[in-house]
Protein backbone atom coordinates (compact mmCIF):
# COMPACT_ATOMS: atom_id res chain seq x y z
CA UNK A 1 53.08 63.95 -1.83
CA UNK A 2 56.07 62.06 -1.51
CA UNK A 3 57.69 61.67 -4.71
CA UNK A 4 60.00 58.57 -4.11
CA UNK A 5 56.62 56.64 -4.16
CA UNK A 6 54.89 58.72 -6.83
CA UNK A 7 54.04 55.95 -9.71
CA UNK A 8 53.21 57.27 -13.02
CA UNK A 9 53.39 56.59 -16.69
CA UNK A 10 56.23 58.60 -18.65
CA UNK A 11 56.31 59.57 -22.04
CA UNK A 12 59.61 59.39 -23.46
CA UNK A 13 60.56 61.17 -27.10
CA UNK A 14 62.65 62.22 -29.66
CA UNK A 15 62.82 66.35 -30.11
CA UNK A 16 59.40 67.52 -32.34
CA UNK A 17 62.54 69.20 -34.49
CA UNK A 18 63.84 65.95 -35.44
CA UNK A 19 60.85 63.25 -34.57
CA UNK A 20 63.01 60.12 -36.36
CA UNK A 21 66.03 61.26 -34.59
CA UNK A 22 66.03 58.08 -32.82
CA UNK A 23 66.16 55.97 -35.72
CA UNK A 24 63.78 53.50 -33.55
CA UNK A 25 63.72 50.18 -35.16
CA UNK A 26 61.22 48.12 -33.15
CA UNK A 27 63.11 44.63 -34.01
CA UNK A 28 66.50 46.23 -32.59
CA UNK A 29 64.49 47.95 -29.76
CA UNK A 30 63.23 44.60 -28.37
CA UNK A 31 66.95 42.74 -29.21
CA UNK A 32 68.46 45.42 -27.04
CA UNK A 33 65.86 45.29 -24.56
CA UNK A 34 66.86 41.15 -24.15
CA UNK A 35 70.39 41.73 -24.09
CA UNK A 36 70.01 44.76 -21.00
CA UNK A 37 67.67 43.14 -18.99
CA UNK A 38 67.57 39.63 -17.65
CA UNK A 39 63.74 38.89 -18.16
CA UNK A 40 62.00 40.33 -21.03
CA UNK A 41 58.80 39.74 -23.17
CA UNK A 42 57.73 41.45 -26.42
CA UNK A 43 55.71 41.48 -29.17
CA UNK A 44 54.79 43.53 -32.13
CA UNK A 45 51.37 44.65 -32.44
CA UNK A 46 49.59 46.73 -35.49
CA UNK A 47 46.50 48.75 -34.42
CA UNK A 48 45.59 51.80 -34.90
CA UNK A 49 49.87 51.90 -35.39
CA UNK A 50 52.69 49.48 -35.08
CA UNK A 51 54.07 49.32 -31.64
CA UNK A 52 56.33 46.83 -29.72
CA UNK A 53 54.86 46.11 -26.10
CA UNK A 54 57.36 45.33 -23.81
CA UNK A 55 57.98 44.19 -20.42
CA UNK A 56 61.05 43.76 -18.65
CA UNK A 57 63.14 43.35 -15.10
CA UNK A 58 66.14 44.19 -14.02
CA UNK A 59 68.40 42.19 -11.82
CA UNK A 60 67.25 44.30 -8.87
CA UNK A 61 63.66 43.02 -9.62
CA UNK A 62 62.39 46.81 -11.12
CA UNK A 63 59.91 45.59 -13.49
CA UNK A 64 59.00 48.06 -17.11
CA UNK A 65 55.74 48.12 -18.77
CA UNK A 66 55.35 49.52 -21.72
CA UNK A 67 55.30 49.98 -25.57
CA UNK A 68 57.48 51.86 -28.34
CA UNK A 69 56.64 53.28 -31.71
CA UNK A 70 58.15 55.04 -34.47
CA UNK A 71 55.05 55.91 -36.00
CA UNK A 72 55.16 60.27 -36.47
CA UNK A 73 57.48 60.57 -33.78
CA UNK A 74 59.68 58.12 -32.22
CA UNK A 75 58.34 57.13 -28.60
CA UNK A 76 58.65 54.94 -25.33
CA UNK A 77 56.18 54.87 -23.08
CA UNK A 78 56.47 53.26 -19.20
CA UNK A 79 53.68 52.64 -17.55
CA UNK A 80 53.18 53.08 -13.64
CA UNK A 81 56.90 53.53 -12.55
CA UNK A 82 58.34 55.88 -9.41
CA UNK A 83 60.76 58.42 -10.46
CA UNK A 84 63.82 55.88 -9.60
CA UNK A 85 62.48 53.10 -11.57
CA UNK A 86 61.73 55.21 -14.42
CA UNK A 87 65.39 56.53 -14.35
CA UNK A 88 66.92 53.26 -14.38
CA UNK A 89 65.48 52.71 -17.83
CA UNK A 90 65.93 56.05 -18.69
CA UNK A 91 69.61 55.78 -18.44
CA UNK A 92 69.88 52.68 -20.29
CA UNK A 93 68.00 54.45 -23.08
CA UNK A 94 70.07 57.44 -23.20
CA UNK A 95 73.55 55.09 -22.44
CA UNK A 96 72.91 52.37 -24.47
CA UNK A 97 70.46 52.57 -27.31
CA UNK A 98 69.89 56.05 -28.51
CA UNK A 99 72.48 57.42 -31.21
CA UNK A 100 72.65 60.71 -29.19
CA UNK A 101 71.98 61.46 -25.75
CA UNK A 102 70.71 64.67 -26.08
CA UNK A 103 67.63 63.31 -28.05
CA UNK A 104 65.02 62.56 -25.24
CA UNK A 105 62.02 64.80 -24.33
CA UNK A 106 59.73 63.67 -21.70
CA UNK A 107 56.27 63.97 -20.45
CA UNK A 108 53.89 62.18 -17.76
CA UNK A 109 50.64 60.90 -17.59
CA UNK A 110 49.39 64.06 -15.18
CA UNK A 111 51.00 66.40 -17.79
CA UNK A 112 48.90 65.30 -20.43
CA UNK A 113 45.57 65.32 -18.44
CA UNK A 114 46.77 68.78 -17.54
CA UNK A 115 46.80 69.74 -21.19
CA UNK A 116 50.64 70.73 -20.42
CA UNK A 117 51.93 70.30 -23.91
CA UNK A 118 55.52 71.18 -22.61
CA UNK A 119 58.56 69.05 -24.11
CA UNK A 120 60.78 68.74 -21.23
CA UNK A 121 64.31 68.10 -21.73
CA UNK A 122 66.24 64.92 -20.00
CA UNK A 123 69.59 65.54 -19.26
CA UNK A 124 72.01 64.40 -21.69
CA UNK A 125 74.45 63.36 -19.22
CA UNK A 126 74.63 62.12 -15.35
CA UNK A 127 73.86 59.12 -13.34
CA UNK A 128 70.49 57.91 -12.23
CA UNK A 129 69.99 60.37 -9.41
CA UNK A 130 70.08 63.43 -11.70
CA UNK A 131 67.37 61.67 -13.89
CA UNK A 132 65.16 61.18 -10.84
CA UNK A 133 65.86 64.69 -9.95
CA UNK A 134 64.73 65.76 -12.96
CA UNK A 135 61.56 63.73 -13.00
CA UNK A 136 60.35 64.94 -9.32
CA UNK A 137 60.78 68.13 -10.48
CA UNK A 138 58.48 67.56 -13.45
CA UNK A 139 56.17 66.20 -10.99
CA UNK A 140 56.12 68.87 -8.86
CA UNK A 141 55.67 71.62 -11.59
CA UNK A 142 52.70 69.50 -13.11
CA UNK A 143 51.01 68.59 -9.94
CA UNK A 144 50.47 71.96 -8.22
């Protein structure tokens, strides 16, 4: 398996002990996306829960599609990204949006499908390479 090209959905969320620790305001999140990325579209939808669906593109052409929700536990879901692509978004979220870089826990679609309920901890510091390595380690552990 080539982990550099492996695409999956990543679930990013606040720690279980501090489910509202991100202080995730959906309007502020949308505004922050607009300020950070050159191309952004988003809308707030009320379904079973209120969520902000978004699409954003970096200057390098990396696309992010996903949603954010603050019902129950502050959460952002990124759909169909490689570890490198997801790391770019996670670095922005950690370094520019969250009140504390220690507040990101994560999982992935394969982990959820396998019934693995472990909250993986995202590094509170380091560059995108460090985040990529953490995501790859997670995928290797889950995809055994």
